[in-house]
Amino acid sequence: MVTIKVGTLNLRGWLDRWLRRRHLVVAEILDERPDLLSLQEIYLPLRQGYWLRHELNSRLGRREYELVQQRKAHPWHGFFEGIGILSRLPVIATDSVNLGYGGRVALRANLELPTGQSMDFVAVHLHHPTEARTARLEQSMQLLGWLDQTVTAPLHIVAGDLNERPTGPALKQLKQRLNSAFELNRGMEPAGTYPTALVADPPAEASCFDYILLSPDLAHVSATSVFCNRPDPEDETLYPSDHIGLLATLEIPAAWH
């Protein structure tokens, strides 16, 4: 049995006081030490993802984390924003798919487990407008089709900001094929992952937009938790991001069929 901890976090790019809140992100990741972390809204002109990897590895005193990332598939938006994966596991290969709607992409890393077997970890960020439920459903169907047509490993994890409530059509579509780590472990999704107090003009109620979804053979989830959910001790409005992050600890059998 192999134990790995996986997670997801929307970084909120450089917006909302990044230079003041970035130390909170680093501290939270170091506290949790996930093996795999899906990152959304990486601000590329600042090399935000590489800065984060460098800070983590510098404080750990070794090159523990590897970063892979993918720009949005759009001539304008792709200059500024992308998604990525921080991995403590060896990366064998990566690929991505264009999900449309401003160049949204899903990024897949094929990874080597300590047993020598491989597993796929997919970072994704779906279209954001509240009313764009049909667009997100289309993106979720495209994502599942891509995973089916380009199988690289028998096990896969999809993690990210799906911008969809648990009752939305995109989530219903994805959950026909994938299981929620939080539902397996707790029987329900988190009450809310957005917004934190970093958002100056928040919506009337919190929503769960972030998820960790597992292929059916990944059925043993020993723990789930949230992180990046604590403000700076000196400023109760300064959070690591506008989203809180999710974590799941998985027990993976040494062999599967």
Protein backbone atom coordinates (compact mmCIF):
# COMPACT_ATOMS: atom_id res chain seq x y z
CA MET A 1 0.00 0.00 0.00
CA VAL A 2 1.28 3.45 -1.00
CA THR A 3 0.09 6.58 0.81
CA ILE A 4 0.01 9.88 -1.07
CA LYS A 5 -1.47 13.27 -0.22
CA VAL A 6 -2.99 15.28 -3.07
CA GLY A 7 -4.52 18.74 -3.15
CA THR A 8 -5.77 21.71 -5.12
CA LEU A 9 -5.46 25.47 -4.70
CA ASN A 10 -6.51 28.45 -6.82
CA LEU A 11 -3.69 31.01 -6.36
CA ARG A 12 -5.74 34.05 -7.49
CA GLY A 13 -2.79 35.11 -9.64
CA TRP A 14 -1.10 38.36 -8.64
CA LEU A 15 -4.37 40.04 -7.63
CA ASP A 16 -5.52 40.94 -4.12
CA ARG A 17 -2.19 41.72 -2.46
CA TRP A 18 -0.13 38.78 -3.75
CA LEU A 19 3.15 40.21 -2.47
CA ARG A 20 1.67 40.38 1.03
CA ARG A 21 -0.10 37.02 1.02
CA ARG A 22 2.42 34.85 -0.80
CA HIS A 23 4.28 33.93 2.41
CA LEU A 24 0.99 32.49 3.71
CA VAL A 25 0.73 30.19 0.69
CA VAL A 26 4.29 28.95 1.16
CA ALA A 27 3.80 28.35 4.88
CA GLU A 28 0.57 26.39 4.37
CA ILE A 29 2.07 24.15 1.68
CA LEU A 30 5.12 23.48 3.85
CA ASP A 31 2.86 22.59 6.78
CA GLU A 32 0.93 20.06 4.68
CA ARG A 33 3.62 18.81 2.27
CA PRO A 34 1.25 17.40 -0.36
CA ASP A 35 2.80 14.98 -2.83
CA LEU A 36 0.73 16.47 -5.66
CA LEU A 37 -0.86 19.90 -5.81
CA SER A 38 -3.04 21.25 -8.62
CA LEU A 39 -2.60 25.01 -9.05
CA GLN A 40 -4.95 27.34 -10.90
CA GLU A 41 -4.62 31.00 -11.89
CA ILE A 42 -0.83 31.00 -12.03
CA TYR A 43 0.29 34.48 -13.13
CA LEU A 44 2.91 33.79 -15.78
CA PRO A 45 4.56 37.23 -16.25
CA LEU A 46 5.73 37.11 -12.62
CA ARG A 47 6.85 33.46 -12.98
CA GLN A 48 4.61 32.87 -10.00
CA GLY A 49 4.70 29.09 -10.21
CA TYR A 50 8.49 28.97 -10.45
CA TRP A 51 8.79 31.40 -7.54
CA LEU A 52 6.58 29.16 -5.43
CA ARG A 53 8.57 26.05 -6.34
CA HIS A 54 11.84 27.83 -5.57
CA GLU A 55 10.61 29.04 -2.17
CA LEU A 56 9.38 25.60 -1.19
CA ASN A 57 12.56 23.82 -2.25
CA SER A 58 14.79 26.48 -0.67
CA ARG A 59 13.08 26.16 2.68
CA LEU A 60 13.12 22.38 2.48
CA GLY A 61 16.83 22.48 1.68
CA ARG A 62 16.54 20.19 -1.33
CA ARG A 63 14.88 19.95 -4.73
CA GLU A 64 11.76 18.21 -3.48
CA TYR A 65 9.10 19.74 -5.72
CA GLU A 66 8.99 19.73 -9.50
CA LEU A 67 6.68 22.12 -11.37
CA VAL A 68 4.91 21.49 -14.65
CA GLN A 69 2.56 24.10 -16.05
CA GLN A 70 0.48 24.92 -19.11
CA ARG A 71 -0.56 28.29 -20.49
CA LYS A 72 -4.14 28.96 -21.47
CA ALA A 73 -4.66 28.05 -25.13
CA HIS A 74 -5.43 31.63 -26.13
CA PRO A 75 -3.18 34.27 -27.77
CA TRP A 76 -3.99 36.92 -25.13
CA HIS A 77 -5.09 35.11 -21.97
CA GLY A 78 -2.31 32.56 -22.44
CA PHE A 79 0.32 35.27 -22.00
CA PHE A 80 -0.92 35.99 -18.50
CA GLU A 81 -2.41 32.86 -16.98
CA GLY A 82 -1.94 29.12 -16.75
CA ILE A 83 -2.42 26.10 -14.54
CA GLY A 84 0.19 23.82 -13.04
CA ILE A 85 1.10 20.85 -10.90
CA LEU A 86 3.62 20.74 -8.07
CA SER A 87 4.86 17.19 -7.67
CA ARG A 88 7.09 15.34 -5.24
CA LEU A 89 6.72 12.24 -7.43
CA PRO A 90 8.81 11.69 -10.57
CA VAL A 91 7.08 13.09 -13.66
CA ILE A 92 7.22 10.68 -16.60
CA ALA A 93 5.34 12.77 -19.18
CA THR A 94 2.83 15.60 -19.51
CA ASP A 95 0.12 16.57 -21.96
CA SER A 96 -2.86 18.90 -22.08
CA VAL A 97 -6.18 19.53 -23.79
CA ASN A 98 -7.83 22.78 -24.85
CA LEU A 99 -11.27 23.07 -23.23
CA GLY A 100 -12.18 26.33 -24.97
CA TYR A 101 -13.95 29.35 -23.50
CA GLY A 102 -10.98 31.68 -23.33
CA GLY A 103 -8.46 28.89 -23.71
CA ARG A 104 -9.21 26.91 -20.55
CA VAL A 105 -6.99 23.84 -20.39
CA ALA A 106 -6.58 20.62 -18.46
CA LEU A 107 -2.99 19.58 -17.71
CA ARG A 108 -2.11 15.93 -17.11
CA ALA A 109 1.06 14.62 -15.51
CA ASN A 110 1.85 10.92 -15.72
CA LEU A 111 3.72 10.09 -12.51
CA GLU A 112 5.78 7.23 -11.14
CA LEU A 113 4.60 5.85 -7.81
CA PRO A 114 7.08 4.38 -5.30
CA THR A 115 5.92 0.91 -6.43
CA GLY A 116 7.14 1.65 -9.97
CA GLN A 117 3.60 1.82 -11.34
CA SER A 118 2.23 4.97 -12.92
CA MET A 119 -0.73 7.23 -12.19
CA ASP A 120 -2.21 10.31 -13.86
CA PHE A 121 -2.86 13.59 -12.03
CA VAL A 122 -4.95 16.15 -13.90
CA ALA A 123 -5.16 19.85 -13.01
CA VAL A 124 -8.18 21.69 -14.38
CA HIS A 125 -9.92 25.07 -14.16
CA LEU A 126 -13.36 25.35 -15.78
CA HIS A 127 -15.13 28.42 -17.15
CA HIS A 128 -16.11 30.83 -14.39
CA PRO A 129 -19.31 32.83 -15.07
CA THR A 130 -22.10 31.73 -12.74
CA GLU A 131 -24.55 31.44 -15.63
CA ALA A 132 -22.16 29.35 -17.80
CA ARG A 133 -23.48 25.97 -16.64
CA THR A 134 -23.82 24.67 -20.19
CA ALA A 135 -20.24 25.68 -20.98
CA ARG A 136 -18.92 23.83 -17.93
CA LEU A 137 -20.99 20.76 -18.82
CA GLU A 138 -19.47 20.83 -22.30
CA GLN A 139 -15.98 21.17 -20.80
CA SER A 140 -16.55 18.28 -18.39
CA MET A 141 -17.71 16.02 -21.24
CA GLN A 142 -14.68 17.02 -23.29
CA LEU A 143 -12.40 16.32 -20.33
CA LEU A 144 -13.85 12.84 -19.79
CA GLY A 145 -13.63 12.08 -23.50
CA TRP A 146 -9.98 13.13 -23.57
CA LEU A 147 -9.18 10.92 -20.58
CA ASP A 148 -10.90 7.97 -22.28
CA GLN A 149 -9.22 8.45 -25.65
CA THR A 150 -5.69 9.04 -24.36
CA VAL A 151 -5.32 6.57 -21.51
CA THR A 152 -1.80 6.68 -20.05
CA ALA A 153 -2.39 4.98 -16.68
CA PRO A 154 -5.12 2.87 -15.04
CA LEU A 155 -5.54 5.32 -12.15
CA HIS A 156 -6.23 9.03 -12.39
CA ILE A 157 -7.06 11.99 -10.18
CA VAL A 158 -8.74 15.18 -11.39
CA ALA A 159 -8.31 18.20 -9.10
CA GLY A 160 -9.06 21.86 -9.47
CA ASP A 161 -11.44 24.79 -9.42
CA LEU A 162 -14.47 23.66 -11.40
CA ASN A 163 -16.49 26.83 -10.73
CA GLU A 164 -19.54 24.63 -10.21
CA ARG A 165 -21.63 23.83 -7.15
CA PRO A 166 -22.05 20.14 -6.23
CA THR A 167 -25.57 20.09 -7.70
CA GLY A 168 -24.50 21.60 -11.03
CA PRO A 169 -24.68 19.63 -14.30
CA ALA A 170 -20.90 19.56 -14.84
CA LEU A 171 -20.35 17.94 -11.44
CA LYS A 172 -23.15 15.45 -12.03
CA GLN A 173 -21.53 14.52 -15.33
CA LEU A 174 -18.07 14.08 -13.83
CA LYS A 175 -19.39 12.09 -10.88
CA GLN A 176 -20.93 9.52 -13.20
CA ARG A 177 -17.36 8.39 -13.81
CA LEU A 178 -15.31 9.76 -10.93
CA ASN A 179 -15.74 9.72 -7.15
CA SER A 180 -15.29 12.72 -4.88
CA ALA A 181 -12.55 12.22 -2.29
CA PHE A 182 -14.52 14.27 0.24
CA GLU A 183 -17.72 12.31 -0.35
CA LEU A 184 -15.87 9.02 0.05
CA ASN A 185 -14.28 10.17 3.30
CA ARG A 186 -16.92 12.46 4.82
CA GLY A 187 -20.11 11.75 2.93
CA MET A 188 -20.32 15.30 1.55
CA GLU A 189 -18.38 18.05 -0.17
CA PRO A 190 -16.99 20.96 1.88
CA ALA A 191 -19.62 23.54 2.84
CA GLY A 192 -17.74 26.19 0.87
CA THR A 193 -14.37 26.79 -0.76
CA TYR A 194 -15.07 30.33 -2.03
CA PRO A 195 -14.83 33.13 -0.99
CA THR A 196 -12.45 33.88 1.84
CA ALA A 197 -12.31 37.30 3.48
CA LEU A 198 -9.68 38.26 0.88
CA VAL A 199 -12.62 39.12 -1.39
CA ALA A 200 -13.63 42.73 -0.68
CA ASP A 201 -17.17 42.42 -2.05
CA PRO A 202 -18.13 38.77 -1.48
CA PRO A 203 -21.30 37.04 -2.71
CA ALA A 204 -24.14 36.51 -0.27
CA GLU A 205 -23.20 32.90 0.45
CA ALA A 206 -20.18 30.65 0.22
CA SER A 207 -20.01 27.98 -2.49
CA CYS A 208 -18.05 24.80 -3.02
CA PHE A 209 -16.25 25.24 -6.34
CA ASP A 210 -13.13 23.11 -5.76
CA TYR A 211 -12.91 19.33 -5.95
CA ILE A 212 -10.67 16.28 -5.85
CA LEU A 213 -12.14 13.54 -8.05
CA LEU A 214 -10.84 9.97 -8.24
CA SER A 215 -11.10 7.08 -10.66
CA PRO A 216 -13.14 4.20 -9.17
CA ASP A 217 -10.14 2.05 -8.20
CA LEU A 218 -8.95 4.83 -5.89
CA ALA A 219 -11.59 4.05 -3.28
CA HIS A 220 -9.59 4.24 -0.05
CA VAL A 221 -9.44 7.84 1.17
CA SER A 222 -8.02 7.85 4.70
CA ALA A 223 -8.32 11.61 5.35
CA THR A 224 -9.57 14.85 3.83
CA SER A 225 -9.06 18.40 5.01
CA VAL A 226 -8.91 22.04 3.96
CA PHE A 227 -5.88 24.32 4.02
CA CYS A 228 -5.04 27.92 3.21
CA ASN A 229 -8.06 28.74 5.35
CA ARG A 230 -6.35 30.87 8.01
CA PRO A 231 -5.75 34.63 7.80
CA ASP A 232 -2.54 36.46 8.56
CA PRO A 233 -2.26 36.89 12.35
CA GLU A 234 -2.04 40.66 11.92
CA ASP A 235 -4.74 41.12 9.26
CA GLU A 236 -7.94 39.09 9.38
CA THR A 237 -8.75 40.01 5.76
CA LEU A 238 -5.43 38.74 4.37
CA TYR A 239 -5.83 35.10 3.35
CA PRO A 240 -3.54 32.99 1.16
CA SER A 241 -6.12 33.21 -1.65
CA ASP A 242 -9.75 33.93 -2.40
CA HIS A 243 -10.32 30.15 -2.40
CA ILE A 244 -9.41 27.72 0.33
CA GLY A 245 -7.47 24.63 -0.70
CA LEU A 246 -8.46 20.97 -0.44
CA LEU A 247 -6.37 17.96 0.56
CA ALA A 248 -6.97 14.21 0.43
CA THR A 249 -4.80 11.35 1.66
CA LEU A 250 -5.14 8.23 -0.49
CA GLU A 251 -4.12 4.64 0.15
CA ILE A 252 -3.18 3.09 -3.19
CA PRO A 253 -2.77 -0.69 -3.46
CA ALA A 254 0.61 -1.95 -4.58
CA ALA A 255 -1.09 -3.67 -7.51
CA TRP A 256 -4.44 -3.27 -9.23
CA HIS A 257 -6.33 -4.67 -12.16
